[in-house]
Protein backbone atom coordinates (compact mmCIF):
# COMPACT_ATOMS: atom_id res chain seq x y z
CA MET A 1 -16.16 143.05 63.16
CA ASN A 2 -17.05 141.54 66.53
CA ILE A 3 -14.86 141.41 69.67
CA THR A 4 -15.72 139.38 72.76
CA LYS A 5 -13.89 138.46 75.97
CA GLU A 6 -14.34 135.26 77.95
CA ASN A 7 -12.85 134.95 81.43
CA VAL A 8 -11.24 131.55 81.93
CA ASP A 9 -10.63 132.33 85.61
CA ALA A 10 -9.61 135.35 87.72
CA LEU A 11 -6.17 135.53 86.07
CA ASN A 12 -6.75 134.31 82.52
CA ALA A 13 -9.03 135.41 79.69
CA VAL A 14 -9.47 134.88 75.96
CA VAL A 15 -10.34 137.65 73.50
CA LYS A 16 -11.98 136.57 70.24
CA ILE A 17 -12.03 138.86 67.20
CA ASP A 18 -14.21 138.06 64.17
CA ILE A 19 -13.35 139.92 60.95
CA VAL A 20 -15.34 139.93 57.70
CA ALA A 21 -14.48 141.33 54.25
CA GLU A 22 -16.39 144.58 54.80
CA ASP A 23 -13.97 145.43 57.64
CA TYR A 24 -10.88 145.59 55.42
CA GLN A 25 -11.97 145.53 51.77
CA ALA A 26 -11.93 149.31 51.22
CA LYS A 27 -8.30 149.58 52.33
CA VAL A 28 -7.30 146.56 50.24
CA THR A 29 -8.92 148.14 47.15
CA LYS A 30 -7.10 151.42 47.75
CA GLN A 31 -3.78 149.60 48.10
CA LEU A 32 -4.41 147.68 44.87
CA ASN A 33 -5.21 150.92 43.01
CA ASP A 34 -1.98 152.46 44.31
CA TYR A 35 -0.02 149.38 43.18
CA ARG A 36 -1.65 149.53 39.75
CA LYS A 37 -0.48 153.13 39.26
CA THR A 38 3.16 152.31 40.02
CA ALA A 39 3.56 148.63 39.00
CA ASN A 40 6.23 147.83 36.41
CA ILE A 41 5.11 144.71 34.54
CA PRO A 42 6.65 143.82 31.14
CA GLY A 43 4.21 144.38 28.26
CA PHE A 44 2.18 147.09 30.00
CA ARG A 45 2.65 150.80 30.37
CA LYS A 46 2.83 152.16 33.93
CA GLY A 47 -0.70 152.67 35.22
CA GLN A 48 -2.26 150.49 32.49
CA VAL A 49 -1.82 147.08 34.10
CA PRO A 50 -5.17 145.22 34.25
CA MET A 51 -6.63 145.19 37.78
CA GLY A 52 -7.18 141.44 37.55
CA MET A 53 -3.46 140.90 37.08
CA VAL A 54 -2.61 143.22 39.99
CA LYS A 55 -5.13 141.39 42.18
CA LYS A 56 -3.73 138.02 41.25
CA GLN A 57 -0.14 139.08 41.97
CA TYR A 58 -0.60 141.26 45.06
CA GLY A 59 -4.17 140.78 46.30
CA LYS A 60 -3.68 138.11 48.95
CA SER A 61 -0.50 139.60 50.48
CA ILE A 62 -2.15 143.04 50.71
CA MET A 63 -5.28 141.52 52.25
CA ILE A 64 -3.23 139.61 54.85
CA ASP A 65 -1.29 142.76 55.69
CA GLU A 66 -4.46 144.84 56.12
CA VAL A 67 -6.16 142.17 58.24
CA ASN A 68 -3.13 142.00 60.54
CA LYS A 69 -3.07 145.78 60.89
CA LEU A 70 -6.80 145.86 61.66
CA LEU A 71 -6.39 143.02 64.11
CA GLN A 72 -3.65 144.76 66.11
CA GLU A 73 -5.41 148.13 66.12
CA SER A 74 -8.70 146.59 67.20
CA LEU A 75 -7.10 144.51 69.97
CA ASN A 76 -5.18 147.50 71.38
CA LYS A 77 -8.32 149.67 71.28
CA PHE A 78 -10.38 146.97 72.99
CA LEU A 79 -7.83 146.51 75.80
CA ALA A 80 -7.71 150.28 76.37
CA GLU A 81 -11.49 150.73 76.35
CA GLU A 82 -12.06 147.79 78.67
CA LYS A 83 -9.26 149.08 80.94
CA LEU A 84 -7.82 145.59 81.22
CA ASP A 85 -4.71 145.38 83.41
CA ILE A 86 -2.75 142.67 81.64
CA LEU A 87 0.66 141.09 82.24
CA GLY A 88 3.02 140.56 79.33
CA ASN A 89 1.40 140.79 75.89
CA PRO A 90 -1.61 139.01 74.38
CA LEU A 91 -0.65 135.60 72.97
CA PRO A 92 -2.31 134.56 69.70
CA ARG A 93 -3.75 131.06 69.63
CA ILE A 94 -2.39 129.22 66.60
CA GLU A 95 -5.01 127.47 64.47
CA ASN A 96 -3.40 124.75 62.36
CA GLU A 97 -6.17 124.72 59.73
CA PHE A 98 -6.46 128.49 59.33
CA ASN A 99 -7.53 129.44 55.79
CA TRP A 100 -6.84 132.89 54.32
CA ASP A 101 -9.35 132.14 51.53
CA ALA A 102 -12.26 132.00 53.99
CA GLU A 103 -14.99 134.67 53.93
CA LYS A 104 -14.73 135.24 57.68
CA PHE A 105 -11.69 135.16 59.97
CA SER A 106 -11.70 134.37 63.68
CA PHE A 107 -8.69 135.12 65.88
CA GLU A 108 -8.20 134.32 69.55
CA PHE A 109 -5.74 135.83 72.01
CA GLU A 110 -4.87 134.60 75.49
CA LEU A 111 -4.53 137.25 78.18
CA GLY A 112 -2.77 137.08 81.53
CA LEU A 113 -4.61 139.35 83.95
CA ALA A 114 -3.00 141.25 86.81
CA PRO A 115 -4.23 139.98 90.21
CA GLU A 116 -6.16 142.04 92.73
CA PHE A 117 -4.63 142.22 96.20
CA ASP A 118 -4.25 144.34 99.34
CA ILE A 119 -0.99 145.65 100.79
CA ASN A 120 -0.26 145.73 104.51
CA LEU A 121 2.14 148.56 105.34
CA LYS A 122 2.08 147.66 109.06
CA PRO A 123 3.29 144.04 109.13
CA LYS A 124 4.07 142.31 112.44
CA ASN A 125 7.61 141.45 111.38
CA LYS A 126 9.03 144.95 111.09
CA VAL A 127 11.97 145.93 108.91
CA THR A 128 15.11 147.13 110.70
CA GLN A 129 16.19 150.69 109.96
CA TYR A 130 19.89 151.14 110.66
CA ASN A 131 21.43 154.35 111.98
CA ILE A 132 25.09 154.02 111.00
CA VAL A 133 27.48 156.13 113.06
CA ALA A 134 31.12 157.04 112.48
CA THR A 135 33.17 155.71 115.40
CA ASP A 136 36.15 157.48 116.93
CA GLU A 137 38.34 154.71 115.51
CA LEU A 138 37.09 155.33 111.98
CA ILE A 139 37.51 159.10 112.33
CA ASP A 140 41.06 158.72 113.68
CA LYS A 141 41.85 156.37 110.79
CA GLU A 142 40.61 158.95 108.27
CA VAL A 143 42.71 161.68 109.94
CA GLU A 144 45.71 159.40 109.56
CA ASN A 145 44.82 158.78 105.89
CA ILE A 146 44.62 162.54 105.28
CA GLN A 147 48.01 163.07 106.88
CA THR A 148 49.42 160.33 104.65
CA ARG A 149 47.82 161.69 101.45
CA TYR A 150 49.21 165.17 102.07
CA GLY A 151 52.48 163.99 103.58
CA LYS A 152 55.99 164.22 102.13
CA VAL A 153 56.92 161.16 100.05
CA SER A 154 60.55 160.12 99.63
CA PRO A 155 62.22 156.99 98.20
CA ILE A 156 63.90 154.41 100.46
CA ASP A 157 66.23 151.50 99.66
CA GLU A 158 64.05 148.70 100.95
CA ALA A 159 60.52 148.21 102.27
CA ASN A 160 59.75 148.31 106.00
CA ASP A 161 56.55 148.05 108.04
CA ASP A 162 55.56 151.64 107.17
CA ALA A 163 56.59 151.65 103.50
CA ASN A 164 54.48 152.06 100.37
CA VAL A 165 55.39 149.72 97.51
CA THR A 166 54.49 150.45 93.88
CA GLY A 167 54.59 147.73 91.26
CA THR A 168 52.67 145.67 88.71
CA PHE A 169 50.49 142.67 89.55
CA VAL A 170 50.43 140.04 86.78
CA ASN A 171 48.54 136.79 86.20
CA GLU A 172 48.46 135.74 82.55
CA GLU A 173 45.67 133.16 82.91
CA LYS A 174 43.26 135.75 84.35
CA GLU A 175 44.66 138.45 82.02
CA ILE A 176 45.63 140.60 84.99
CA SER A 177 48.28 143.27 84.50
CA LYS A 178 47.68 146.15 86.89
CA LYS A 179 50.00 148.75 88.33
CA ALA A 180 49.17 149.68 91.93
CA THR A 181 50.59 151.03 95.16
CA VAL A 182 50.11 149.07 98.38
CA SER A 183 50.95 149.91 101.97
CA VAL A 184 52.91 147.21 103.78
CA LYS A 185 50.72 147.77 106.87
CA ASP A 186 47.69 146.58 104.82
CA ILE A 187 49.33 143.21 104.11
CA LYS A 188 47.85 140.27 106.04
CA GLY A 189 49.74 137.37 107.65
CA LYS A 190 53.36 136.80 108.68
CA THR A 191 54.25 134.89 105.48
CA ASN A 192 53.17 137.72 103.20
CA LEU A 193 54.70 140.41 105.43
CA LYS A 194 58.03 138.57 105.36
CA LYS A 195 58.04 138.80 101.54
CA PHE A 196 57.45 142.56 101.58
CA VAL A 197 59.68 143.70 104.44
CA GLY A 198 63.21 144.12 103.09
CA ALA A 199 62.10 143.93 99.43
CA LYS A 200 63.82 146.27 96.93
CA VAL A 201 63.14 147.79 93.53
CA GLY A 202 63.38 145.19 90.75
CA GLU A 203 62.45 142.21 92.92
CA VAL A 204 59.52 140.00 91.90
CA LEU A 205 57.28 138.67 94.68
CA GLU A 206 55.10 135.60 94.14
CA LEU A 207 51.89 136.17 96.11
CA LYS A 208 48.69 134.23 96.73
CA THR A 209 45.62 136.46 96.42
CA LYS A 210 43.73 134.59 99.15
CA ASN A 211 44.08 136.54 102.43
CA LEU A 212 46.68 138.89 100.95
CA PHE A 213 45.15 142.03 102.51
CA GLU A 214 43.41 142.74 105.79
CA ASP A 215 40.50 144.09 103.71
CA GLU A 216 39.73 141.90 100.69
CA HIS A 217 38.21 144.90 98.88
CA LYS A 218 41.75 146.29 98.72
CA LEU A 219 42.56 143.28 96.52
CA GLN A 220 39.70 144.28 94.22
CA GLN A 221 41.19 147.76 93.87
CA VAL A 222 44.77 146.71 93.18
CA LEU A 223 43.90 143.91 90.71
CA GLY A 224 41.06 145.73 88.94
CA VAL A 225 38.70 142.74 89.05
CA SER A 226 34.94 142.82 89.60
CA HIS A 227 33.23 142.68 92.97
CA ASP A 228 31.68 139.30 92.12
CA GLU A 229 35.04 137.72 91.26
CA ILE A 230 36.98 138.89 94.28
CA HIS A 231 35.37 136.75 97.00
CA ASP A 232 36.43 133.40 95.51
CA LEU A 233 39.66 134.53 93.86
CA ASP A 234 42.49 132.22 94.90
CA ILE A 235 45.35 132.53 92.42
CA VAL A 236 49.06 133.31 92.38
CA VAL A 237 50.16 136.71 91.07
CA SER A 238 53.62 138.08 90.47
CA PHE A 239 54.33 141.56 91.82
CA THR A 240 57.28 143.36 90.23
CA ILE A 241 58.47 146.18 92.51
CA GLU A 242 59.08 149.50 90.75
CA GLU A 243 59.27 151.96 93.65
CA VAL A 244 59.59 151.85 97.44
CA THR A 245 58.76 154.99 99.40
CA LYS A 246 58.05 156.26 102.87
CA THR A 247 55.64 159.02 103.78
CA GLU A 248 56.26 161.63 106.43
CA ALA A 249 52.81 162.47 107.78
CA ALA A 250 51.58 166.03 107.23
CA GLU A 251 51.18 168.26 110.27
CA LEU A 252 47.60 168.90 111.43
CA ASP A 253 47.89 172.67 111.10
CA LYS A 254 46.16 175.62 109.44
CA GLU A 255 48.03 175.06 106.18
CA LEU A 256 46.62 171.54 105.86
CA PHE A 257 43.11 172.58 106.93
CA ASP A 258 43.03 175.29 104.25
CA LYS A 259 44.09 172.76 101.61
CA LEU A 260 41.21 170.52 102.62
CA PHE A 261 38.60 173.26 103.12
CA ALA A 262 39.33 176.39 101.12
CA ASP A 263 36.30 178.16 102.64
CA GLY A 264 38.08 178.33 106.02
CA SER A 265 35.36 176.29 107.77
CA VAL A 266 37.92 174.10 109.58
CA ASN A 267 40.59 175.57 111.84
CA THR A 268 41.21 172.93 114.51
CA VAL A 269 41.68 169.17 114.80
CA SER A 270 38.35 168.97 116.62
CA GLU A 271 36.56 170.75 113.76
CA LEU A 272 38.30 168.47 111.25
CA LYS A 273 37.03 165.39 113.09
CA ASP A 274 33.52 166.86 113.25
CA LYS A 275 33.62 167.43 109.50
CA ILE A 276 34.87 163.90 108.82
CA LYS A 277 32.09 162.49 111.02
CA GLU A 278 29.45 164.58 109.25
CA ASP A 279 30.61 163.61 105.74
CA ALA A 280 31.03 159.95 106.64
CA GLU A 281 27.57 159.67 108.15
CA LYS A 282 26.03 161.31 105.05
CA GLN A 283 27.56 158.52 102.97
CA PHE A 284 26.47 155.92 105.52
CA GLN A 285 22.95 157.33 105.32
CA GLN A 286 22.89 156.66 101.57
CA GLN A 287 23.95 153.05 102.11
CA GLY A 288 21.51 152.69 104.98
CA ASP A 289 18.67 154.04 102.83
CA GLN A 290 19.51 151.63 100.02
CA GLN A 291 19.57 148.72 102.46
CA LEU A 292 16.28 149.89 103.97
CA LEU A 293 14.63 150.03 100.54
CA ASN A 294 15.93 146.53 99.75
CA ALA A 295 14.62 145.22 103.07
CA ILE A 296 11.21 146.86 102.57
CA THR A 297 11.01 145.32 99.10
CA GLU A 298 11.72 141.85 100.50
CA ASN A 299 9.23 142.40 103.33
CA LEU A 300 6.43 143.55 101.03
CA VAL A 301 6.95 140.64 98.62
CA GLU A 302 7.00 138.18 101.50
CA ASN A 303 3.88 139.58 103.20
CA THR A 304 1.74 140.38 100.13
CA LYS A 305 0.18 137.17 98.89
CA PHE A 306 -1.46 136.82 95.49
CA ASP A 307 -1.55 134.36 92.61
CA LEU A 308 -0.10 135.01 89.16
CA PRO A 309 -1.09 133.57 85.76
CA THR A 310 2.04 131.41 85.91
CA THR A 311 1.37 129.14 82.93
CA PHE A 312 0.52 132.11 80.71
CA LEU A 313 3.62 134.05 81.75
CA GLN A 314 5.90 131.06 81.17
CA LYS A 315 4.40 130.64 77.70
CA TRP A 316 4.77 134.38 77.01
CA LEU A 317 8.44 134.36 78.07
CA GLN A 318 9.20 131.81 75.33
CA THR A 319 8.67 134.49 72.66
CA ALA A 320 9.12 137.77 74.59
CA GLY A 321 12.86 138.20 74.06
CA GLU A 322 15.12 138.42 71.03
CA LYS A 323 15.90 134.71 71.35
CA GLN A 324 13.07 132.17 71.49
CA LEU A 325 13.24 130.02 74.63
CA THR A 326 12.33 126.40 75.14
CA ALA A 327 9.57 125.59 77.61
CA GLU A 328 12.21 124.54 80.17
CA GLU A 329 14.23 127.74 79.66
CA ALA A 330 11.07 129.84 80.03
CA ILE A 331 10.21 128.14 83.33
CA GLU A 332 13.73 128.81 84.59
CA GLU A 333 13.55 132.45 83.49
CA TYR A 334 10.15 132.85 85.16
CA ASN A 335 11.44 131.43 88.43
CA LYS A 336 14.32 133.93 88.37
CA SER A 337 12.12 136.93 87.62
CA GLU A 338 8.97 136.09 89.62
CA LYS A 339 10.00 138.02 92.76
CA GLY A 340 10.84 141.11 90.66
CA LEU A 341 7.47 140.90 88.88
CA ARG A 342 5.65 140.62 92.21
CA TYR A 343 7.38 143.74 93.51
CA GLN A 344 6.62 145.62 90.27
CA LEU A 345 2.93 144.93 90.81
CA ILE A 346 3.13 145.92 94.49
CA GLU A 347 5.07 149.08 93.67
CA GLY A 348 2.62 150.00 90.91
CA LYS A 349 -0.36 149.59 93.23
CA ILE A 350 1.28 151.65 95.99
CA MET A 351 2.05 154.45 93.55
CA LYS A 352 -1.45 154.39 92.05
CA ASP A 353 -3.33 154.17 95.36
CA ASN A 354 -1.24 156.89 97.03
CA ASP A 355 -0.72 159.22 94.06
CA VAL A 356 3.06 158.74 94.12
CA LYS A 357 4.24 160.01 90.72
CA ILE A 358 6.83 162.12 88.99
CA ASP A 359 6.41 164.67 86.24
CA TYR A 360 8.93 165.80 83.64
CA PRO A 361 10.01 169.02 85.43
CA GLU A 362 10.81 166.93 88.52
CA LEU A 363 12.89 164.56 86.41
CA VAL A 364 14.76 167.50 84.87
CA ASP A 365 15.52 168.93 88.33
CA TYR A 366 16.71 165.52 89.52
CA ALA A 367 18.94 165.13 86.44
CA LYS A 368 20.40 168.60 87.04
CA GLY A 369 21.17 167.72 90.65
CA PHE A 370 22.91 164.54 89.54
CA ILE A 371 24.92 166.45 86.92
CA ARG A 372 25.80 169.17 89.44
CA SER A 373 27.26 166.60 91.84
CA GLN A 374 29.24 164.99 89.02
CA MET A 375 30.68 168.34 87.94
CA ALA A 376 31.62 169.16 91.55
CA GLN A 377 33.84 166.06 91.61
CA PHE A 378 35.86 167.61 88.80
CA GLY A 379 36.18 170.99 90.51
CA ASN A 380 33.28 172.85 88.87
CA MET A 381 31.42 173.91 92.00
CA ASN A 382 29.17 176.60 90.49
CA PRO A 383 28.00 175.66 86.98
CA GLU A 384 25.62 178.07 85.25
CA GLU A 385 21.94 177.15 85.18
CA LYS A 386 21.83 177.24 81.37
CA GLU A 387 24.72 174.80 81.19
CA LEU A 388 22.90 172.42 83.53
CA ASP A 389 19.68 172.77 81.49
CA ASP A 390 21.52 171.98 78.24
CA ILE A 391 23.30 168.91 79.67
CA ALA A 392 20.13 167.62 81.34
CA GLY A 393 18.24 168.00 78.07
CA ARG A 394 20.85 165.94 76.20
CA VAL A 395 20.98 163.27 78.93
CA LEU A 396 17.20 162.86 78.99
CA GLN A 397 17.08 162.44 75.21
CA ASN A 398 18.95 159.19 75.77
CA GLN A 399 16.13 156.76 76.58
CA GLU A 400 18.33 154.41 78.59
CA GLU A 401 19.76 157.23 80.74
CA ALA A 402 16.32 158.80 81.18
CA GLN A 403 14.85 155.50 82.39
CA LYS A 404 17.73 155.02 84.81
CA LEU A 405 17.28 158.49 86.34
CA GLN A 406 13.51 158.03 86.46
CA SER A 407 13.93 154.72 88.29
CA GLN A 408 16.26 156.36 90.82
CA LEU A 409 13.82 159.22 91.42
CA ILE A 410 10.89 156.83 91.85
CA SER A 411 12.95 154.85 94.39
CA GLN A 412 13.62 158.07 96.32
CA LYS A 413 9.93 158.98 96.37
CA LEU A 414 8.87 155.50 97.41
CA LEU A 415 11.45 155.42 100.21
CA ALA A 416 10.13 158.77 101.49
CA PHE A 417 6.60 157.32 101.34
CA TYR A 418 7.65 154.18 103.23
CA LYS A 419 9.39 156.23 105.92
CA GLU A 420 6.19 158.22 106.47
CA ASN A 421 3.79 155.28 106.40
CA MET A 422 5.64 152.29 107.84
CA SER A 423 7.09 151.70 111.29
CA PHE A 424 10.53 150.15 111.75
CA ASP A 425 12.76 148.62 114.37
CA SER A 426 15.65 151.08 114.81
CA LYS A 427 19.20 149.99 115.42
CA GLU A 428 22.34 152.11 115.83
CA LEU A 429 25.70 150.58 114.99
CA SER A 430 29.09 151.29 113.42
CA TYR A 431 29.71 150.99 109.71
CA GLU A 432 31.86 147.91 110.22
CA ASP A 433 29.11 146.20 112.26
CA PHE A 434 26.52 147.26 109.66
CA ILE A 435 28.51 145.53 106.91
CA LYS A 436 28.91 142.40 109.03
CA GLU A 437 25.25 142.24 109.99
CA VAL A 438 23.65 143.11 106.67
CA TYR A 439 26.02 141.51 104.18
CA LYS A 440 27.21 138.63 106.43
């Protein structure tokens, strides 16, 4: 057997593999002997079938199978030994006049090679790193929400400006049927407010979803539709009122503070506001970090220039998935995924050049931390270590879950690396302004 590689250009190569009978004949003979021992052919006892008959019936299919096995093993070994950094998988060149009765077989595979490039972590156009702060207005609003959540609820005859109205939203065409509670003060516009104020149990309100609430994400919550659907949703829904209530706000006293913080860490309104600010800004930090990582990704892709074996990758995409694509579909798929592929290559180079990696114990610890936070949401604040180990072990046995956690951990490590090695333009702003500026 002979294997050679010819470089077409910097991004494309062809591997040629020549196979002769001596390379596979011993395994074919062994397979034929095994078949002869077990073959059931009328007129012959088991194990007594003439070899010539076994060869005639099974010889070619066994030979083809062994050649294909040898071909794949040899190609994989060659790629590993040559340390070739390839994109996609090798593509066999189809020979129309290929003959399985020949004495010698020649196979060719096209390779798409990963490009070589440099990464500039100090670009002129810096990424903006946002410091999102909780404003006094936001904190006061959250205090008000807490007072409402823990307040005394009582039924009233008809809705007023401060009422909460519970009912079911229905739209048959969109298959919406969702029970929800809305506050009249969240309703937007005089026309909609007029429908709610004075409404009673049993009444059915016809409402347009467009501009129904001051915050359109409230519409997403009450209708139970996806984030992608909500922005262009402009339909009529019926809202059947089932309950109208008012809430007497809870007093900001020690009793309420102890309900909120059983450890006694909050004893005054000032301490409550400090705690709200601290917790809010922790959440803002998570969103800010995610936005920063997204912005760095865009920046690196934009400022790291290299060519890709485009034609090869488009051809490979035609057969890479479960469904075979046409040439046009493969080009479309490539155009959609090109930016992601570029960042994968950039990310891989950064990790390799800077020894950014994770090992299994780190992944286990990360999984346990994730599980611990999930359990805390359901009131289990101090799970035993063995319980966490057992759950983490089961989670990581699920390949999909393990890959998801690994991807999250890699993102965390890369973000830490970027923060240490890149410089940013800093900007402090409120959460509301952050949403406006970043998400337009």
